Amino acid sequence: MRTDWLPGSRDGILCMAKVWLEKMRQEGDSWGIPRTHSAEFEALIFLAEVALERAKRSEERTEVLNALCRVAFNPLEEKMHLTRERFFVSPPLTEADEIALLLTASGSAAPDFSPRITLSLIDKQEVQVKVAPVAPNADPHLLHHVDFAYGVLVDEISGRVDEMLVVPQCAESLPVVVGTRRRVYTISLPPQCRGVYAAARFVNADMETGPWSDIIAILPS
């Protein structure tokens, strides 16, 4: 069920759904959203996320995997449509609420600058990638969340979605992209990891992305 407010990509739909779920947890009682509705919504998000991750892990996007994604995403999209019409239109919500739910354009331009990021080794099992704070006077709608892209360099693929056999040349070649409202993300290392590579970009309230940062790397000792 496509609309002018529903993102065009499955990653975007999942991101919006997770934003809605968090807002429903915070405001659900005051907005009159039954907890059973929120629980059903969370279950549909989980099924859609599992189907999408399975499709991404596959070397080939087969029709079977695409069909499984459609089966998982169609009920989620229907639930989002129902949720919006039943609970988000009638309260009525404030402009800030609508922006927080990604339903209203913020009026901000797409981010035109990339983050400054650092990689640090926590221990032999984890690496942390962190985005430096932005200027305090930055438009808050401009920086809705951060996309972290990363991959781990290995000699032999074991089946993890983030593994790579060659050094990436650009952020688009990194195998995993994770969106988060936090400015830090922890990467678990597989055995025999030869390096971790990461980049980041800002995303505004309209889900418009800024440029990727340069790729940085850390080589676990």
N, C-alpha and C. Protein backbone atom coordinates (compact mmCIF):
# COMPACT_ATOMS: atom_id res chain seq x y z
N MET A 1 0.85 -1.19 0.00
CA MET A 1 0.00 0.00 0.00
C MET A 1 0.88 1.24 0.00
N ARG A 2 1.05 1.85 -1.17
CA ARG A 2 1.93 3.00 -1.30
C ARG A 2 1.16 4.30 -1.11
N THR A 3 1.80 5.27 -0.50
CA THR A 3 1.21 6.59 -0.30
C THR A 3 2.29 7.61 -0.54
N ASP A 4 1.90 8.90 -0.48
CA ASP A 4 2.90 9.94 -0.67
C ASP A 4 3.73 10.16 0.59
N TRP A 5 3.35 9.54 1.71
CA TRP A 5 4.12 9.71 2.93
C TRP A 5 4.95 8.48 3.28
N LEU A 6 4.64 7.35 2.65
CA LEU A 6 5.38 6.13 2.94
C LEU A 6 6.69 6.11 2.14
N PRO A 7 7.83 5.86 2.78
CA PRO A 7 9.11 5.83 2.06
C PRO A 7 9.08 4.83 0.91
N GLY A 8 9.89 5.10 -0.11
CA GLY A 8 9.90 4.26 -1.29
C GLY A 8 10.74 3.01 -1.17
N SER A 9 11.60 2.92 -0.16
CA SER A 9 12.45 1.74 0.02
C SER A 9 12.02 0.96 1.25
N ARG A 10 12.35 -0.33 1.26
CA ARG A 10 12.01 -1.15 2.42
C ARG A 10 12.82 -0.74 3.64
N ASP A 11 14.07 -0.34 3.44
CA ASP A 11 14.86 0.17 4.56
C ASP A 11 14.20 1.41 5.16
N GLY A 12 13.69 2.28 4.29
CA GLY A 12 13.03 3.48 4.77
C GLY A 12 11.74 3.19 5.50
N ILE A 13 10.98 2.20 5.01
CA ILE A 13 9.74 1.81 5.68
C ILE A 13 10.04 1.28 7.08
N LEU A 14 11.06 0.43 7.18
CA LEU A 14 11.44 -0.10 8.49
C LEU A 14 11.89 0.99 9.44
N CYS A 15 12.67 1.92 8.93
CA CYS A 15 13.14 3.03 9.76
C CYS A 15 11.95 3.83 10.28
N MET A 16 11.00 4.17 9.40
CA MET A 16 9.83 4.92 9.82
C MET A 16 9.01 4.13 10.84
N ALA A 17 8.83 2.83 10.59
CA ALA A 17 8.04 1.99 11.50
C ALA A 17 8.66 1.96 12.89
N LYS A 18 9.99 1.89 12.96
CA LYS A 18 10.67 1.85 14.26
C LYS A 18 10.53 3.20 14.98
N VAL A 19 10.58 4.29 14.22
CA VAL A 19 10.36 5.61 14.81
C VAL A 19 8.95 5.68 15.39
N TRP A 20 7.97 5.18 14.63
CA TRP A 20 6.58 5.18 15.11
C TRP A 20 6.45 4.35 16.38
N LEU A 21 7.06 3.17 16.39
CA LEU A 21 6.94 2.30 17.55
C LEU A 21 7.49 2.97 18.80
N GLU A 22 8.63 3.63 18.68
CA GLU A 22 9.22 4.32 19.83
C GLU A 22 8.29 5.45 20.31
N LYS A 23 7.71 6.17 19.35
CA LYS A 23 6.79 7.26 19.72
C LYS A 23 5.52 6.70 20.36
N MET A 24 5.04 5.57 19.86
CA MET A 24 3.85 4.93 20.44
C MET A 24 4.12 4.47 21.86
N ARG A 25 5.33 4.02 22.13
CA ARG A 25 5.68 3.62 23.49
C ARG A 25 5.67 4.83 24.43
N GLN A 26 6.08 5.97 23.90
CA GLN A 26 6.16 7.17 24.72
C GLN A 26 4.79 7.84 24.91
N GLU A 27 4.00 7.88 23.83
CA GLU A 27 2.76 8.66 23.84
C GLU A 27 1.51 7.82 23.68
N GLY A 28 1.66 6.51 23.59
CA GLY A 28 0.52 5.64 23.28
C GLY A 28 -0.67 5.81 24.20
N ASP A 29 -0.43 5.89 25.50
CA ASP A 29 -1.54 6.02 26.44
C ASP A 29 -2.28 7.34 26.25
N SER A 30 -1.53 8.43 26.11
CA SER A 30 -2.18 9.74 25.96
C SER A 30 -2.87 9.88 24.61
N TRP A 31 -2.39 9.16 23.59
CA TRP A 31 -3.02 9.21 22.27
C TRP A 31 -4.13 8.17 22.11
N GLY A 32 -4.34 7.35 23.12
CA GLY A 32 -5.40 6.35 23.05
C GLY A 32 -5.06 5.15 22.20
N ILE A 33 -3.80 4.80 22.08
CA ILE A 33 -3.37 3.65 21.29
C ILE A 33 -3.32 2.42 22.21
N PRO A 34 -4.15 1.40 21.96
CA PRO A 34 -4.11 0.21 22.81
C PRO A 34 -2.73 -0.46 22.77
N ARG A 35 -2.33 -1.01 23.89
CA ARG A 35 -1.03 -1.66 23.94
C ARG A 35 -0.99 -2.91 23.06
N THR A 36 -2.16 -3.53 22.86
CA THR A 36 -2.20 -4.69 21.95
C THR A 36 -1.88 -4.26 20.52
N HIS A 37 -2.32 -3.05 20.14
CA HIS A 37 -2.00 -2.53 18.80
C HIS A 37 -0.50 -2.31 18.65
N SER A 38 0.12 -1.74 19.68
CA SER A 38 1.57 -1.52 19.63
C SER A 38 2.32 -2.85 19.56
N ALA A 39 1.83 -3.87 20.30
CA ALA A 39 2.47 -5.18 20.28
C ALA A 39 2.36 -5.83 18.90
N GLU A 40 1.20 -5.71 18.27
CA GLU A 40 1.02 -6.25 16.92
C GLU A 40 1.93 -5.52 15.93
N PHE A 41 2.03 -4.21 16.11
CA PHE A 41 2.88 -3.39 15.24
C PHE A 41 4.34 -3.82 15.38
N GLU A 42 4.79 -4.05 16.61
CA GLU A 42 6.17 -4.48 16.85
C GLU A 42 6.43 -5.85 16.22
N ALA A 43 5.46 -6.76 16.30
CA ALA A 43 5.63 -8.09 15.72
C ALA A 43 5.77 -8.02 14.20
N LEU A 44 5.00 -7.13 13.56
CA LEU A 44 5.10 -6.98 12.10
C LEU A 44 6.44 -6.38 11.70
N ILE A 45 6.95 -5.46 12.50
CA ILE A 45 8.28 -4.91 12.24
C ILE A 45 9.32 -6.02 12.28
N PHE A 46 9.24 -6.86 13.29
CA PHE A 46 10.21 -7.96 13.43
C PHE A 46 10.18 -8.88 12.22
N LEU A 47 9.00 -9.26 11.77
CA LEU A 47 8.89 -10.17 10.62
C LEU A 47 9.44 -9.53 9.35
N ALA A 48 9.16 -8.25 9.17
CA ALA A 48 9.65 -7.54 7.98
C ALA A 48 11.17 -7.42 8.03
N GLU A 49 11.72 -7.13 9.20
CA GLU A 49 13.16 -6.98 9.34
C GLU A 49 13.87 -8.30 9.07
N VAL A 50 13.32 -9.40 9.58
CA VAL A 50 13.91 -10.73 9.34
C VAL A 50 13.91 -11.05 7.85
N ALA A 51 12.78 -10.79 7.17
CA ALA A 51 12.69 -11.08 5.74
C ALA A 51 13.68 -10.25 4.94
N LEU A 52 13.82 -8.97 5.30
CA LEU A 52 14.74 -8.11 4.56
C LEU A 52 16.18 -8.50 4.79
N GLU A 53 16.54 -8.83 6.03
CA GLU A 53 17.91 -9.25 6.32
C GLU A 53 18.24 -10.55 5.60
N ARG A 54 17.28 -11.46 5.51
CA ARG A 54 17.51 -12.71 4.78
C ARG A 54 17.76 -12.44 3.31
N ALA A 55 17.00 -11.52 2.75
CA ALA A 55 17.19 -11.17 1.34
C ALA A 55 18.55 -10.51 1.12
N LYS A 56 18.98 -9.66 2.07
CA LYS A 56 20.27 -8.98 1.92
C LYS A 56 21.44 -9.94 2.06
N ARG A 57 21.28 -10.97 2.89
CA ARG A 57 22.38 -11.92 3.08
C ARG A 57 22.59 -12.82 1.88
N SER A 58 21.54 -12.98 1.08
CA SER A 58 21.64 -13.86 -0.08
C SER A 58 22.49 -13.21 -1.16
N GLU A 59 23.28 -14.01 -1.85
CA GLU A 59 24.12 -13.48 -2.94
C GLU A 59 23.27 -13.08 -4.14
N GLU A 60 22.09 -13.66 -4.27
CA GLU A 60 21.21 -13.35 -5.39
C GLU A 60 19.83 -12.97 -4.86
N ARG A 61 19.27 -11.89 -5.38
CA ARG A 61 17.92 -11.48 -4.99
C ARG A 61 16.92 -12.27 -5.83
N THR A 62 16.60 -13.48 -5.40
CA THR A 62 15.72 -14.35 -6.16
C THR A 62 14.27 -13.91 -6.00
N GLU A 63 13.43 -14.39 -6.89
CA GLU A 63 12.01 -14.06 -6.84
C GLU A 63 11.38 -14.60 -5.57
N VAL A 64 11.89 -15.75 -5.09
CA VAL A 64 11.36 -16.32 -3.85
C VAL A 64 11.61 -15.37 -2.68
N LEU A 65 12.84 -14.84 -2.57
CA LEU A 65 13.16 -13.92 -1.49
C LEU A 65 12.37 -12.62 -1.62
N ASN A 66 12.21 -12.14 -2.85
CA ASN A 66 11.41 -10.94 -3.06
C ASN A 66 9.95 -11.16 -2.65
N ALA A 67 9.45 -12.37 -2.95
CA ALA A 67 8.08 -12.69 -2.57
C ALA A 67 7.94 -12.74 -1.05
N LEU A 68 8.93 -13.31 -0.37
CA LEU A 68 8.89 -13.37 1.09
C LEU A 68 8.91 -11.97 1.69
N CYS A 69 9.68 -11.07 1.07
CA CYS A 69 9.69 -9.68 1.54
C CYS A 69 8.32 -9.04 1.36
N ARG A 70 7.71 -9.28 0.22
CA ARG A 70 6.39 -8.69 -0.02
C ARG A 70 5.37 -9.21 0.99
N VAL A 71 5.43 -10.52 1.26
CA VAL A 71 4.51 -11.13 2.23
C VAL A 71 4.69 -10.51 3.61
N ALA A 72 5.93 -10.17 3.98
CA ALA A 72 6.21 -9.59 5.29
C ALA A 72 5.90 -8.09 5.34
N PHE A 73 6.19 -7.38 4.24
CA PHE A 73 6.04 -5.92 4.26
C PHE A 73 4.60 -5.46 4.00
N ASN A 74 3.83 -6.21 3.22
CA ASN A 74 2.47 -5.77 2.94
C ASN A 74 1.63 -5.58 4.20
N PRO A 75 1.63 -6.56 5.14
CA PRO A 75 0.86 -6.33 6.38
C PRO A 75 1.39 -5.17 7.20
N LEU A 76 2.71 -4.96 7.20
CA LEU A 76 3.28 -3.84 7.93
C LEU A 76 2.82 -2.52 7.33
N GLU A 77 2.84 -2.41 6.01
CA GLU A 77 2.39 -1.18 5.36
C GLU A 77 0.91 -0.93 5.65
N GLU A 78 0.10 -1.98 5.63
CA GLU A 78 -1.32 -1.84 5.93
C GLU A 78 -1.52 -1.37 7.37
N LYS A 79 -0.71 -1.93 8.28
CA LYS A 79 -0.82 -1.55 9.68
C LYS A 79 -0.40 -0.09 9.87
N MET A 80 0.61 0.34 9.13
CA MET A 80 1.04 1.74 9.23
C MET A 80 -0.04 2.67 8.70
N HIS A 81 -0.69 2.28 7.61
CA HIS A 81 -1.78 3.09 7.08
C HIS A 81 -2.91 3.19 8.10
N LEU A 82 -3.28 2.05 8.69
CA LEU A 82 -4.34 2.04 9.69
C LEU A 82 -3.97 2.86 10.92
N THR A 83 -2.72 2.72 11.36
CA THR A 83 -2.25 3.45 12.53
C THR A 83 -2.31 4.95 12.31
N ARG A 84 -1.86 5.37 11.14
CA ARG A 84 -1.87 6.80 10.84
C ARG A 84 -3.30 7.35 10.83
N GLU A 85 -4.21 6.65 10.14
CA GLU A 85 -5.57 7.15 10.02
C GLU A 85 -6.32 7.11 11.34
N ARG A 86 -6.08 6.08 12.15
CA ARG A 86 -6.86 5.90 13.38
C ARG A 86 -6.32 6.69 14.55
N PHE A 87 -4.97 6.80 14.64
CA PHE A 87 -4.39 7.36 15.85
C PHE A 87 -3.59 8.65 15.64
N PHE A 88 -3.04 8.86 14.43
CA PHE A 88 -2.18 10.01 14.23
C PHE A 88 -2.92 11.21 13.64
N VAL A 89 -4.06 10.98 13.00
CA VAL A 89 -4.78 12.08 12.37
C VAL A 89 -5.75 12.73 13.35
N SER A 90 -6.38 11.91 14.19
CA SER A 90 -7.46 12.41 15.02
C SER A 90 -7.05 13.10 16.31
N PRO A 91 -5.82 12.97 16.89
CA PRO A 91 -5.60 13.55 18.23
C PRO A 91 -5.93 15.02 18.39
N PRO A 92 -5.64 16.04 17.58
CA PRO A 92 -4.66 16.03 16.48
C PRO A 92 -3.25 16.21 17.02
N LEU A 93 -2.29 15.83 16.24
CA LEU A 93 -0.90 15.95 16.66
C LEU A 93 -0.39 17.36 16.42
N THR A 94 0.63 17.71 17.15
CA THR A 94 1.30 18.99 16.92
C THR A 94 2.24 18.85 15.73
N GLU A 95 2.72 19.96 15.22
CA GLU A 95 3.68 19.92 14.12
C GLU A 95 4.93 19.17 14.52
N ALA A 96 5.37 19.37 15.78
CA ALA A 96 6.56 18.66 16.25
C ALA A 96 6.33 17.16 16.27
N ASP A 97 5.11 16.72 16.66
CA ASP A 97 4.79 15.30 16.65
C ASP A 97 4.85 14.74 15.23
N GLU A 98 4.28 15.46 14.29
CA GLU A 98 4.24 14.99 12.91
C GLU A 98 5.64 14.89 12.32
N ILE A 99 6.50 15.85 12.66
CA ILE A 99 7.88 15.78 12.19
C ILE A 99 8.59 14.60 12.82
N ALA A 100 8.35 14.38 14.12
CA ALA A 100 8.98 13.26 14.81
C ALA A 100 8.57 11.93 14.22
N LEU A 101 7.34 11.85 13.69
CA LEU A 101 6.84 10.62 13.09
C LEU A 101 7.20 10.52 11.60
N LEU A 102 7.94 11.49 11.10
CA LEU A 102 8.37 11.54 9.69
C LEU A 102 7.19 11.72 8.74
N LEU A 103 6.11 12.33 9.23
CA LEU A 103 4.92 12.52 8.40
C LEU A 103 4.86 13.90 7.76
N THR A 104 5.65 14.82 8.26
CA THR A 104 5.64 16.19 7.75
C THR A 104 7.05 16.60 7.38
N ALA A 105 7.16 17.19 6.21
CA ALA A 105 8.48 17.69 5.81
C ALA A 105 8.94 18.75 6.78
N SER A 106 10.18 18.70 7.13
CA SER A 106 10.71 19.65 8.10
C SER A 106 11.00 21.02 7.49
N GLY A 107 11.09 21.08 6.19
CA GLY A 107 11.44 22.33 5.53
C GLY A 107 12.94 22.54 5.47
N SER A 108 13.71 21.59 5.98
CA SER A 108 15.16 21.71 5.95
C SER A 108 15.72 21.14 4.66
N ALA A 109 16.81 21.70 4.22
CA ALA A 109 17.50 21.14 3.07
C ALA A 109 18.20 19.86 3.48
N ALA A 110 18.51 19.04 2.50
CA ALA A 110 19.26 17.82 2.79
C ALA A 110 20.62 18.20 3.38
N PRO A 111 21.13 17.39 4.31
CA PRO A 111 22.46 17.69 4.87
C PRO A 111 23.50 17.80 3.75
N ASP A 112 24.31 18.85 3.80
CA ASP A 112 25.32 19.04 2.76
C ASP A 112 26.74 18.83 3.30
N PHE A 113 26.84 18.22 4.47
CA PHE A 113 28.16 17.96 5.04
C PHE A 113 28.17 16.55 5.63
N SER A 114 29.34 15.99 5.70
CA SER A 114 29.48 14.62 6.20
C SER A 114 29.98 14.63 7.64
N PRO A 115 29.70 13.57 8.39
CA PRO A 115 30.15 13.52 9.79
C PRO A 115 31.66 13.32 9.90
N ARG A 116 32.18 13.68 11.04
CA ARG A 116 33.54 13.31 11.42
C ARG A 116 33.42 12.10 12.35
N ILE A 117 34.07 11.01 11.98
CA ILE A 117 33.90 9.78 12.75
C ILE A 117 35.24 9.24 13.25
N THR A 118 35.16 8.44 14.30
CA THR A 118 36.34 7.77 14.85
C THR A 118 36.00 6.31 15.08
N LEU A 119 37.02 5.49 15.01
CA LEU A 119 36.90 4.06 15.31
C LEU A 119 37.81 3.76 16.48
N SER A 120 37.30 3.01 17.44
CA SER A 120 38.14 2.63 18.59
C SER A 120 37.90 1.17 18.94
N LEU A 121 38.96 0.50 19.31
CA LEU A 121 38.88 -0.90 19.68
C LEU A 121 38.51 -1.00 21.15
N ILE A 122 37.35 -1.60 21.44
CA ILE A 122 36.91 -1.76 22.82
C ILE A 122 37.65 -2.93 23.47
N ASP A 123 37.64 -4.05 22.79
CA ASP A 123 38.39 -5.24 23.21
C ASP A 123 38.60 -6.08 21.97
N LYS A 124 38.97 -7.32 22.13
CA LYS A 124 39.25 -8.16 20.96
C LYS A 124 37.97 -8.60 20.25
N GLN A 125 36.83 -8.31 20.83
CA GLN A 125 35.56 -8.74 20.24
C GLN A 125 34.72 -7.61 19.65
N GLU A 126 35.04 -6.36 19.98
CA GLU A 126 34.17 -5.26 19.55
C GLU A 126 34.96 -4.02 19.16
N VAL A 127 34.41 -3.30 18.18
CA VAL A 127 34.94 -2.00 17.76
C VAL A 127 33.78 -1.01 17.81
N GLN A 128 34.06 0.21 18.24
CA GLN A 128 33.03 1.23 18.34
C GLN A 128 33.30 2.34 17.33
N VAL A 129 32.28 2.69 16.56
CA VAL A 129 32.37 3.81 15.63
C VAL A 129 31.51 4.94 16.19
N LYS A 130 32.06 6.15 16.18
CA LYS A 130 31.39 7.27 16.84
C LYS A 130 31.42 8.50 15.94
N VAL A 131 30.30 9.24 15.94
CA VAL A 131 30.19 10.49 15.18
C VAL A 131 30.44 11.65 16.13
N ALA A 132 31.31 12.56 15.74
CA ALA A 132 31.61 13.73 16.56
C ALA A 132 30.39 14.64 16.63
N PRO A 133 30.21 15.37 17.74
CA PRO A 133 29.08 16.30 17.87
C PRO A 133 29.11 17.35 16.77
N VAL A 134 27.92 17.78 16.36
CA VAL A 134 27.82 18.84 15.35
C VAL A 134 27.69 20.17 16.07
N ALA A 135 27.70 21.24 15.29
CA ALA A 135 27.59 22.58 15.87
C ALA A 135 26.29 22.69 16.65
N PRO A 136 26.33 23.32 17.82
CA PRO A 136 25.13 23.41 18.66
C PRO A 136 23.99 24.18 18.04
N ASN A 137 24.27 25.03 17.05
CA ASN A 137 23.21 25.81 16.42
C ASN A 137 22.68 25.14 15.15
N ALA A 138 23.03 23.87 14.92
CA ALA A 138 22.54 23.16 13.74
C ALA A 138 21.03 22.94 13.85
N ASP A 139 20.35 23.00 12.72
CA ASP A 139 18.91 22.76 12.68
C ASP A 139 18.63 21.35 13.20
N PRO A 140 17.83 21.18 14.28
CA PRO A 140 17.60 19.84 14.81
C PRO A 140 16.87 18.93 13.83
N HIS A 141 16.09 19.52 12.91
CA HIS A 141 15.41 18.69 11.92
C HIS A 141 16.37 18.18 10.85
N LEU A 142 17.50 18.85 10.72
CA LEU A 142 18.47 18.47 9.71
C LEU A 142 19.12 17.13 10.05
N LEU A 143 19.24 16.85 11.33
CA LEU A 143 19.96 15.66 11.76
C LEU A 143 19.02 14.73 12.50
N HIS A 144 18.17 14.05 11.74
CA HIS A 144 17.21 13.13 12.36
C HIS A 144 17.89 11.89 12.92
N HIS A 145 18.79 11.30 12.14
CA HIS A 145 19.56 10.16 12.63
C HIS A 145 20.83 10.01 11.81
N VAL A 146 21.63 9.06 12.19
CA VAL A 146 22.90 8.78 11.51
C VAL A 146 22.83 7.40 10.87
N ASP A 147 23.27 7.29 9.63
CA ASP A 147 23.48 6.00 8.98
C ASP A 147 24.94 5.61 9.16
N PHE A 148 25.19 4.46 9.76
CA PHE A 148 26.54 3.91 9.82
C PHE A 148 26.65 2.79 8.78
N ALA A 149 27.67 2.86 7.94
CA ALA A 149 27.97 1.79 7.00
C ALA A 149 29.28 1.15 7.44
N TYR A 150 29.32 -0.19 7.42
CA TYR A 150 30.55 -0.84 7.87
C TYR A 150 30.71 -2.22 7.26
N GLY A 151 31.90 -2.75 7.38
CA GLY A 151 32.20 -4.11 6.95
C GLY A 151 33.46 -4.59 7.64
N VAL A 152 33.60 -5.90 7.77
CA VAL A 152 34.80 -6.48 8.39
C VAL A 152 35.52 -7.31 7.34
N LEU A 153 36.81 -7.14 7.29
CA LEU A 153 37.64 -7.83 6.30
C LEU A 153 38.08 -9.18 6.86
N VAL A 154 37.83 -10.23 6.10
CA VAL A 154 38.18 -11.58 6.53
C VAL A 154 38.86 -12.32 5.37
N ASP A 155 39.50 -13.42 5.70
CA ASP A 155 40.13 -14.24 4.66
C ASP A 155 39.15 -15.23 4.06
N GLU A 156 38.13 -15.60 4.84
CA GLU A 156 37.17 -16.58 4.37
C GLU A 156 35.79 -16.24 4.91
N ILE A 157 34.80 -16.22 4.02
CA ILE A 157 33.44 -15.88 4.41
C ILE A 157 32.83 -17.01 5.24
N SER A 158 32.24 -16.63 6.37
CA SER A 158 31.59 -17.63 7.22
C SER A 158 30.07 -17.54 7.16
N GLY A 159 29.55 -16.47 6.57
CA GLY A 159 28.11 -16.32 6.47
C GLY A 159 27.57 -15.07 7.13
N ARG A 160 28.41 -14.34 7.87
CA ARG A 160 27.97 -13.07 8.46
C ARG A 160 27.72 -12.04 7.37
N VAL A 161 26.69 -11.23 7.57
CA VAL A 161 26.29 -10.27 6.55
C VAL A 161 27.32 -9.16 6.37
N ASP A 162 28.17 -8.92 7.39
CA ASP A 162 29.10 -7.79 7.32
C ASP A 162 30.49 -8.17 6.82
N GLU A 163 30.70 -9.40 6.42
CA GLU A 163 32.03 -9.85 6.01
C GLU A 163 32.37 -9.42 4.58
N MET A 164 33.65 -9.10 4.36
CA MET A 164 34.16 -8.72 3.04
C MET A 164 35.47 -9.46 2.79
N LEU A 165 35.75 -9.69 1.51
CA LEU A 165 37.01 -10.34 1.14
C LEU A 165 38.01 -9.35 0.56
N VAL A 166 37.54 -8.14 0.22
CA VAL A 166 38.41 -7.13 -0.36
C VAL A 166 38.22 -5.81 0.37
N VAL A 167 39.25 -4.98 0.34
CA VAL A 167 39.18 -3.66 0.98
C VAL A 167 38.20 -2.78 0.21
N PRO A 168 37.23 -2.16 0.86
CA PRO A 168 36.23 -1.33 0.16
C PRO A 168 36.86 -0.04 -0.37
N GLN A 169 36.38 0.39 -1.52
CA GLN A 169 36.89 1.60 -2.14
C GLN A 169 35.99 2.81 -1.91
N CYS A 170 34.74 2.58 -1.53
CA CYS A 170 33.81 3.67 -1.28
C CYS A 170 32.77 3.20 -0.28
N ALA A 171 32.06 4.13 0.34
CA ALA A 171 31.08 3.77 1.37
C ALA A 171 29.97 2.88 0.81
N GLU A 172 29.60 3.10 -0.45
CA GLU A 172 28.52 2.32 -1.05
C GLU A 172 28.88 0.84 -1.16
N SER A 173 30.17 0.52 -1.11
CA SER A 173 30.57 -0.89 -1.21
C SER A 173 30.62 -1.60 0.14
N LEU A 174 30.40 -0.85 1.23
CA LEU A 174 30.34 -1.49 2.54
C LEU A 174 29.05 -2.29 2.65
N PRO A 175 29.10 -3.50 3.19
CA PRO A 175 27.95 -4.41 3.09
C PRO A 175 26.78 -4.11 4.01
N VAL A 176 26.99 -3.37 5.11
CA VAL A 176 25.92 -3.15 6.08
C VAL A 176 25.69 -1.66 6.31
N VAL A 177 24.43 -1.25 6.33
CA VAL A 177 24.07 0.12 6.69
C VAL A 177 23.04 0.04 7.82
N VAL A 178 23.33 0.73 8.92
CA VAL A 178 22.46 0.72 10.09
C VAL A 178 22.12 2.16 10.46
N GLY A 179 20.83 2.48 10.57
CA GLY A 179 20.40 3.80 10.99
C GLY A 179 20.11 3.82 12.48
N THR A 180 20.57 4.86 13.17
CA THR A 180 20.35 4.97 14.60
C THR A 180 20.29 6.42 15.03
N ARG A 181 19.47 6.71 16.05
CA ARG A 181 19.39 8.06 16.58
C ARG A 181 20.61 8.37 17.46
N ARG A 182 21.30 7.32 17.91
CA ARG A 182 22.50 7.54 18.70
C ARG A 182 23.67 7.87 17.77
N ARG A 183 24.69 8.49 18.31
CA ARG A 183 25.84 8.88 17.49
C ARG A 183 26.99 7.89 17.64
N VAL A 184 26.66 6.68 18.10
CA VAL A 184 27.68 5.67 18.32
C VAL A 184 27.09 4.30 17.99
N TYR A 185 27.94 3.44 17.45
CA TYR A 185 27.48 2.09 17.11
C TYR A 185 28.62 1.11 17.38
N THR A 186 28.27 -0.05 17.94
CA THR A 186 29.26 -1.07 18.29
C THR A 186 29.21 -2.22 17.29
N ILE A 187 30.37 -2.58 16.77
CA ILE A 187 30.49 -3.64 15.77
C ILE A 187 31.16 -4.85 16.41
N SER A 188 30.51 -6.00 16.34
CA SER A 188 31.09 -7.23 16.86
C SER A 188 32.04 -7.82 15.82
N LEU A 189 33.19 -8.28 16.27
CA LEU A 189 34.21 -8.79 15.36
C LEU A 189 34.11 -10.31 15.23
N PRO A 190 34.23 -10.81 14.00
CA PRO A 190 34.27 -12.25 13.82
C PRO A 190 35.68 -12.77 14.10
N PRO A 191 35.86 -14.08 14.25
CA PRO A 191 37.21 -14.63 14.40
C PRO A 191 38.05 -14.32 13.15
N GLN A 192 39.33 -14.17 13.34
CA GLN A 192 40.25 -13.93 12.23
C GLN A 192 39.94 -12.67 11.45
N CYS A 193 39.44 -11.64 12.13
CA CYS A 193 39.15 -10.37 11.48
C CYS A 193 40.46 -9.65 11.15
N ARG A 194 40.58 -9.17 9.90
CA ARG A 194 41.80 -8.49 9.48
C ARG A 194 41.65 -6.98 9.45
N GLY A 195 40.44 -6.49 9.67
CA GLY A 195 40.23 -5.05 9.67
C GLY A 195 38.76 -4.70 9.68
N VAL A 196 38.47 -3.53 10.23
CA VAL A 196 37.10 -3.01 10.26
C VAL A 196 37.08 -1.68 9.51
N TYR A 197 36.11 -1.52 8.63
CA TYR A 197 36.01 -0.31 7.80
C TYR A 197 34.62 0.29 8.01
N ALA A 198 34.56 1.61 8.16
CA ALA A 198 33.28 2.25 8.46
C ALA A 198 33.21 3.64 7.86
N ALA A 199 31.98 4.09 7.63
CA ALA A 199 31.69 5.45 7.19
C ALA A 199 30.34 5.83 7.78
N ALA A 200 29.97 7.11 7.68
CA ALA A 200 28.69 7.55 8.23
C ALA A 200 28.16 8.72 7.41
N ARG A 201 26.85 8.93 7.52
CA ARG A 201 26.22 10.08 6.88
C ARG A 201 25.04 10.52 7.75
N PHE A 202 24.65 11.79 7.60
CA PHE A 202 23.51 12.31 8.32
C PHE A 202 22.25 12.15 7.47
N VAL A 203 21.11 11.97 8.14
CA VAL A 203 19.80 11.87 7.49
C VAL A 203 18.87 12.87 8.17
N ASN A 204 18.15 13.67 7.39
CA ASN A 204 17.28 14.68 8.00
C ASN A 204 15.88 14.13 8.24
N ALA A 205 14.99 14.97 8.76
CA ALA A 205 13.65 14.53 9.14
C ALA A 205 12.80 14.12 7.94
N ASP A 206 13.22 14.51 6.73
CA ASP A 206 12.51 14.11 5.52
C ASP A 206 13.11 12.85 4.91
N MET A 207 14.03 12.21 5.66
CA MET A 207 14.72 11.00 5.21
C MET A 207 15.61 11.26 4.00
N GLU A 208 16.08 12.50 3.85
CA GLU A 208 17.05 12.85 2.81
C GLU A 208 18.45 12.67 3.39
N THR A 209 19.31 12.05 2.62
CA THR A 209 20.64 11.72 3.13
C THR A 209 21.68 12.73 2.67
N GLY A 210 22.65 12.95 3.53
CA GLY A 210 23.81 13.77 3.18
C GLY A 210 24.91 12.91 2.60
N PRO A 211 26.05 13.50 2.31
CA PRO A 211 27.16 12.74 1.73
C PRO A 211 27.80 11.82 2.77
N TRP A 212 28.35 10.72 2.29
CA TRP A 212 29.09 9.82 3.17
C TRP A 212 30.41 10.46 3.58
N SER A 213 30.83 10.13 4.77
CA SER A 213 32.17 10.51 5.19
C SER A 213 33.19 9.65 4.47
N ASP A 214 34.45 9.99 4.60
CA ASP A 214 35.49 9.09 4.11
C ASP A 214 35.46 7.80 4.92
N ILE A 215 35.89 6.71 4.31
CA ILE A 215 35.99 5.45 5.02
C ILE A 215 37.21 5.52 5.94
N ILE A 216 37.01 5.10 7.19
CA ILE A 216 38.15 4.95 8.10
C ILE A 216 38.26 3.49 8.49
N ALA A 217 39.43 3.08 8.92
CA ALA A 217 39.67 1.67 9.21
C ALA A 217 40.45 1.53 10.51
N ILE A 218 40.27 0.38 11.12
CA ILE A 218 41.08 0.01 12.28
C ILE A 218 41.46 -1.45 12.11
N LEU A 219 42.70 -1.76 12.42
CA LEU A 219 43.20 -3.12 12.23
C LEU A 219 43.43 -3.74 13.61
N PRO A 220 42.55 -4.63 14.05
CA PRO A 220 42.72 -5.26 15.35
C PRO A 220 44.06 -5.98 15.45
N SER A 221 44.73 -5.82 16.56
CA SER A 221 46.04 -6.46 16.73
C SER A 221 45.86 -7.90 17.18
